[in-house]
């Protein structure tokens, strides 16, 4: 079962001026496509050829570096495209907005911290907004093809900071690319990933009182059912 090369989830010229049609023709049409093509060549007639991308990533990470690199890059790019939408979407639920405020102070501070992290990433890689198993949000960088999945983290949002993601539009000015990235981010996708994490892990917010109410604690429903809860 070959891994399919996905189409962009938006018209190829619809992210301009933040990301040009020409950049996407190369980035999606050549770089992303090449990762998928190379991966299918590597896994053909092996036990991995019936697996999905996440399974291939997890099974190849420590022993099959070339397979891992191409599988992770194929997954990373598809995830990245879905983080973007023409004109951007900053709509989010009150719950997710409060979660961001409790984690970073504000959405603007999240963006500032994210940009600073991305600027400091030496060479090629990715910057991510992630969620750990306890539901805590944080920002992390990964080098080259690496992503949060092998580290037991749930990715909510990412920005590709390989030079091929921005060089045609910004040359070596990564900060300019990062500034305009936020004009096309789809926060509804980030929240969808957060909600999916909660569903998959049977987690729920114990209390959400507002951005100044302190960090919300997360407990699984299973824990709630088996422990006494004291309400204040």
Protein backbone atom coordinates (compact mmCIF):
# COMPACT_ATOMS: atom_id res chain seq x y z
CA UNK A 1 0.00 0.00 0.00
CA UNK A 2 1.79 3.10 -1.23
CA UNK A 3 1.72 6.32 0.75
CA UNK A 4 -0.30 8.83 -1.25
CA UNK A 5 0.98 12.29 -2.13
CA UNK A 6 -1.69 14.67 -0.78
CA UNK A 7 -2.98 17.73 -2.57
CA UNK A 8 -2.82 21.13 -0.92
CA UNK A 9 -5.94 21.91 1.15
CA UNK A 10 -6.17 25.36 -0.48
CA UNK A 11 -5.60 26.91 -3.96
CA UNK A 12 -1.89 27.16 -4.70
CA UNK A 13 -1.96 30.95 -5.11
CA UNK A 14 -4.23 31.68 -2.14
CA UNK A 15 -1.56 32.25 0.52
CA UNK A 16 -0.04 35.22 -1.26
CA UNK A 17 1.59 37.54 -0.29
CA UNK A 18 2.69 35.58 2.80
CA UNK A 19 3.76 32.56 0.73
CA UNK A 20 3.89 32.81 -3.05
CA UNK A 21 2.54 30.41 -5.64
CA UNK A 22 6.09 29.91 -6.89
CA UNK A 23 7.29 28.83 -3.44
CA UNK A 24 4.44 26.33 -3.15
CA UNK A 25 5.13 24.97 -6.62
CA UNK A 26 8.61 24.03 -5.42
CA UNK A 27 7.88 23.31 -1.77
CA UNK A 28 4.78 21.15 -2.26
CA UNK A 29 5.19 20.07 -5.87
CA UNK A 30 8.84 19.07 -5.64
CA UNK A 31 10.15 18.80 -2.06
CA UNK A 32 7.07 17.25 -0.43
CA UNK A 33 6.41 15.03 -3.44
CA UNK A 34 10.00 13.80 -3.43
CA UNK A 35 9.76 12.71 0.22
CA UNK A 36 6.67 10.63 -0.58
CA UNK A 37 8.21 9.14 -3.73
CA UNK A 38 11.46 8.24 -1.98
CA UNK A 39 9.61 6.75 1.00
CA UNK A 40 7.54 4.48 -1.24
CA UNK A 41 10.74 3.27 -2.93
CA UNK A 42 12.33 2.52 0.44
CA UNK A 43 9.42 0.58 1.93
CA UNK A 44 8.34 -1.34 -1.19
CA UNK A 45 8.14 -5.08 -0.51
CA UNK A 46 8.97 -4.65 3.17
CA UNK A 47 6.75 -5.09 6.26
CA UNK A 48 6.39 -1.29 6.36
CA UNK A 49 4.63 -1.03 3.01
CA UNK A 50 1.27 -1.80 4.61
CA UNK A 51 1.68 0.73 7.43
CA UNK A 52 0.42 4.29 7.74
CA UNK A 53 2.82 7.22 8.10
CA UNK A 54 2.68 7.46 11.89
CA UNK A 55 3.38 3.74 12.27
CA UNK A 56 6.30 3.99 9.82
CA UNK A 57 7.71 6.95 11.76
CA UNK A 58 7.54 5.12 15.09
CA UNK A 59 8.91 1.84 13.76
CA UNK A 60 11.79 3.34 11.78
CA UNK A 61 13.01 6.09 14.10
CA UNK A 62 15.83 4.21 15.81
CA UNK A 63 16.90 1.72 13.15
CA UNK A 64 16.04 2.95 9.64
CA UNK A 65 17.16 6.57 9.48
CA UNK A 66 16.55 7.08 5.77
CA UNK A 67 13.03 5.67 6.02
CA UNK A 68 12.36 7.76 9.11
CA UNK A 69 13.59 10.97 7.47
CA UNK A 70 11.35 10.60 4.43
CA UNK A 71 8.32 9.35 6.38
CA UNK A 72 8.60 12.14 8.96
CA UNK A 73 9.08 14.79 6.29
CA UNK A 74 6.07 13.49 4.37
CA UNK A 75 3.96 13.67 7.56
CA UNK A 76 5.39 17.02 8.67
CA UNK A 77 4.59 18.70 5.38
CA UNK A 78 1.03 17.42 5.22
CA UNK A 79 0.49 18.64 8.79
CA UNK A 80 2.06 22.01 7.95
CA UNK A 81 -0.26 22.59 4.98
CA UNK A 82 -3.26 22.04 7.22
CA UNK A 83 -1.94 24.63 9.68
CA UNK A 84 -2.37 27.23 6.93
CA UNK A 85 -5.44 28.81 5.36
CA UNK A 86 -5.98 31.83 3.10
CA UNK A 87 -6.32 34.96 5.22
CA UNK A 88 -5.81 32.99 8.44
CA UNK A 89 -8.43 31.95 11.01
CA UNK A 90 -8.01 33.17 14.56
CA UNK A 91 -11.42 31.96 15.71
CA UNK A 92 -11.25 29.62 18.67
CA UNK A 93 -13.44 28.51 21.53
CA UNK A 94 -13.33 30.26 24.89
CA UNK A 95 -11.91 27.07 26.39
CA UNK A 96 -8.96 26.95 23.99
CA UNK A 97 -8.36 30.69 24.28
CA UNK A 98 -8.19 30.37 28.06
CA UNK A 99 -5.84 27.39 27.72
CA UNK A 100 -3.47 29.50 25.60
CA UNK A 101 -3.67 32.44 28.01
CA UNK A 102 -2.94 30.20 30.98
CA UNK A 103 0.01 28.62 29.18
CA UNK A 104 1.62 31.71 27.64
CA UNK A 105 -0.11 34.79 29.07
CA UNK A 106 -1.76 35.71 25.77
CA UNK A 107 -1.98 34.66 22.14
CA UNK A 108 0.45 37.43 21.20
CA UNK A 109 2.97 36.15 23.74
CA UNK A 110 2.63 32.64 22.33
CA UNK A 111 3.45 34.05 18.89
CA UNK A 112 6.43 35.97 20.28
CA UNK A 113 7.84 32.91 22.03
CA UNK A 114 7.21 30.73 18.99
CA UNK A 115 9.01 33.20 16.69
CA UNK A 116 11.99 33.53 19.04
CA UNK A 117 12.30 29.76 19.21
CA UNK A 118 12.10 29.44 15.42
CA UNK A 119 14.68 32.19 14.88
CA UNK A 120 17.15 30.39 17.15
CA UNK A 121 16.83 27.02 15.43
CA UNK A 122 20.18 26.53 13.70
CA UNK A 123 20.04 25.05 10.24
CA UNK A 124 16.94 23.13 9.14
CA UNK A 125 13.97 21.95 11.15
CA UNK A 126 10.54 22.72 12.52
CA UNK A 127 9.00 24.76 15.33
CA UNK A 128 5.91 23.30 17.02
CA UNK A 129 3.15 24.10 19.46
CA UNK A 130 2.71 20.82 21.31
CA UNK A 131 0.77 19.21 24.13
CA UNK A 132 2.27 16.70 26.53
CA UNK A 133 0.47 13.74 28.12
CA UNK A 134 -0.65 15.93 31.03
CA UNK A 135 -2.26 18.45 28.67
CA UNK A 136 0.42 21.12 29.10
CA UNK A 137 1.07 23.33 26.08
CA UNK A 138 4.62 24.28 25.11
CA UNK A 139 6.80 25.27 22.16
CA UNK A 140 9.57 23.04 20.86
CA UNK A 141 12.03 22.87 17.98
CA UNK A 142 12.98 19.70 16.13
CA UNK A 143 15.98 19.31 13.87
CA UNK A 144 15.81 18.16 10.27
CA UNK A 145 12.94 15.65 9.84
CA UNK A 146 12.24 15.02 13.50
CA UNK A 147 8.78 15.75 14.90
CA UNK A 148 6.99 15.50 18.28
CA UNK A 149 5.44 12.06 17.67
CA UNK A 150 8.46 9.91 18.67
CA UNK A 151 8.81 12.08 21.77
CA UNK A 152 5.32 11.21 23.03
CA UNK A 153 3.96 14.70 22.34
CA UNK A 154 0.88 15.80 20.41
CA UNK A 155 1.52 18.44 17.73
CA UNK A 156 -1.07 21.20 17.53
CA UNK A 157 0.62 23.59 15.09
CA UNK A 158 3.90 23.82 13.19
CA UNK A 159 6.03 26.11 11.06
CA UNK A 160 8.54 24.73 8.56
CA UNK A 161 11.83 26.57 8.97
CA UNK A 162 13.81 24.71 6.35
CA UNK A 163 15.07 27.35 3.92
CA UNK A 164 13.14 25.80 1.03
CA UNK A 165 9.96 26.89 2.85
CA UNK A 166 10.72 30.59 2.45
CA UNK A 167 13.91 31.31 0.45
CA UNK A 168 12.23 32.26 -2.84
CA UNK A 169 10.07 34.84 -1.03
CA UNK A 170 12.35 36.03 1.77
CA UNK A 171 15.86 34.82 0.87
CA UNK A 172 17.66 34.35 4.20
CA UNK A 173 15.26 36.59 6.17
CA UNK A 174 13.62 33.97 8.35
CA UNK A 175 12.13 36.62 10.71
CA UNK A 176 10.12 38.13 7.84
CA UNK A 177 8.72 34.73 6.95
CA UNK A 178 7.81 34.06 10.58
CA UNK A 179 6.08 37.43 10.92
CA UNK A 180 3.87 36.77 7.90
CA UNK A 181 3.27 33.14 8.85
CA UNK A 182 0.75 34.29 11.46
CA UNK A 183 -1.34 35.98 8.77
CA UNK A 184 -2.24 32.57 7.33
CA UNK A 185 -2.39 30.31 10.42
CA UNK A 186 -5.57 28.30 10.92
CA UNK A 187 -6.19 28.26 14.67
CA UNK A 188 -9.29 26.11 14.15
CA UNK A 189 -6.93 23.31 13.05
CA UNK A 190 -4.76 23.78 16.15
CA UNK A 191 -7.83 23.60 18.38
CA UNK A 192 -9.09 20.53 16.52
CA UNK A 193 -5.82 18.79 17.39
CA UNK A 194 -6.17 19.88 21.04
CA UNK A 195 -9.72 18.55 21.21
CA UNK A 196 -8.64 15.29 19.55
CA UNK A 197 -5.91 14.89 22.17
CA UNK A 198 -8.52 15.27 24.91
CA UNK A 199 -10.83 12.74 23.26
CA UNK A 200 -8.08 10.20 22.59
CA UNK A 201 -6.78 10.43 26.15
CA UNK A 202 -10.17 10.73 27.85
CA UNK A 203 -9.05 13.99 29.43
CA UNK A 204 -11.15 16.88 30.57
CA UNK A 205 -10.40 20.24 32.15
CA UNK A 206 -11.05 20.07 35.89
CA UNK A 207 -11.67 23.79 36.07
CA UNK A 208 -11.53 26.68 33.65
CA UNK A 209 -12.06 30.02 35.33
CA UNK A 210 -10.43 32.47 32.95
CA UNK A 211 -7.02 33.63 31.85
CA UNK A 212 -6.10 34.94 35.30
CA UNK A 213 -7.37 31.91 37.21
CA UNK A 214 -4.08 30.02 37.24
CA UNK A 215 -3.12 26.93 35.31
CA UNK A 216 -6.00 24.57 34.75
CA UNK A 217 -5.37 21.09 36.03
CA UNK A 218 -6.08 18.12 33.81
CA UNK A 219 -7.25 14.76 35.04
CA UNK A 220 -8.51 11.75 33.17
CA UNK A 221 -12.10 10.76 33.62
CA UNK A 222 -10.86 7.40 34.80
CA UNK A 223 -8.92 9.09 37.60
CA UNK A 224 -11.92 11.27 38.45
CA UNK A 225 -14.12 8.22 38.84
CA UNK A 226 -11.68 6.52 41.19
CA UNK A 227 -10.63 9.42 43.38
CA UNK A 228 -12.40 11.80 45.68
CA UNK A 229 -12.62 15.33 44.31
CA UNK A 230 -12.84 18.32 46.58
CA UNK A 231 -14.50 21.38 45.10
CA UNK A 232 -13.61 24.89 46.22
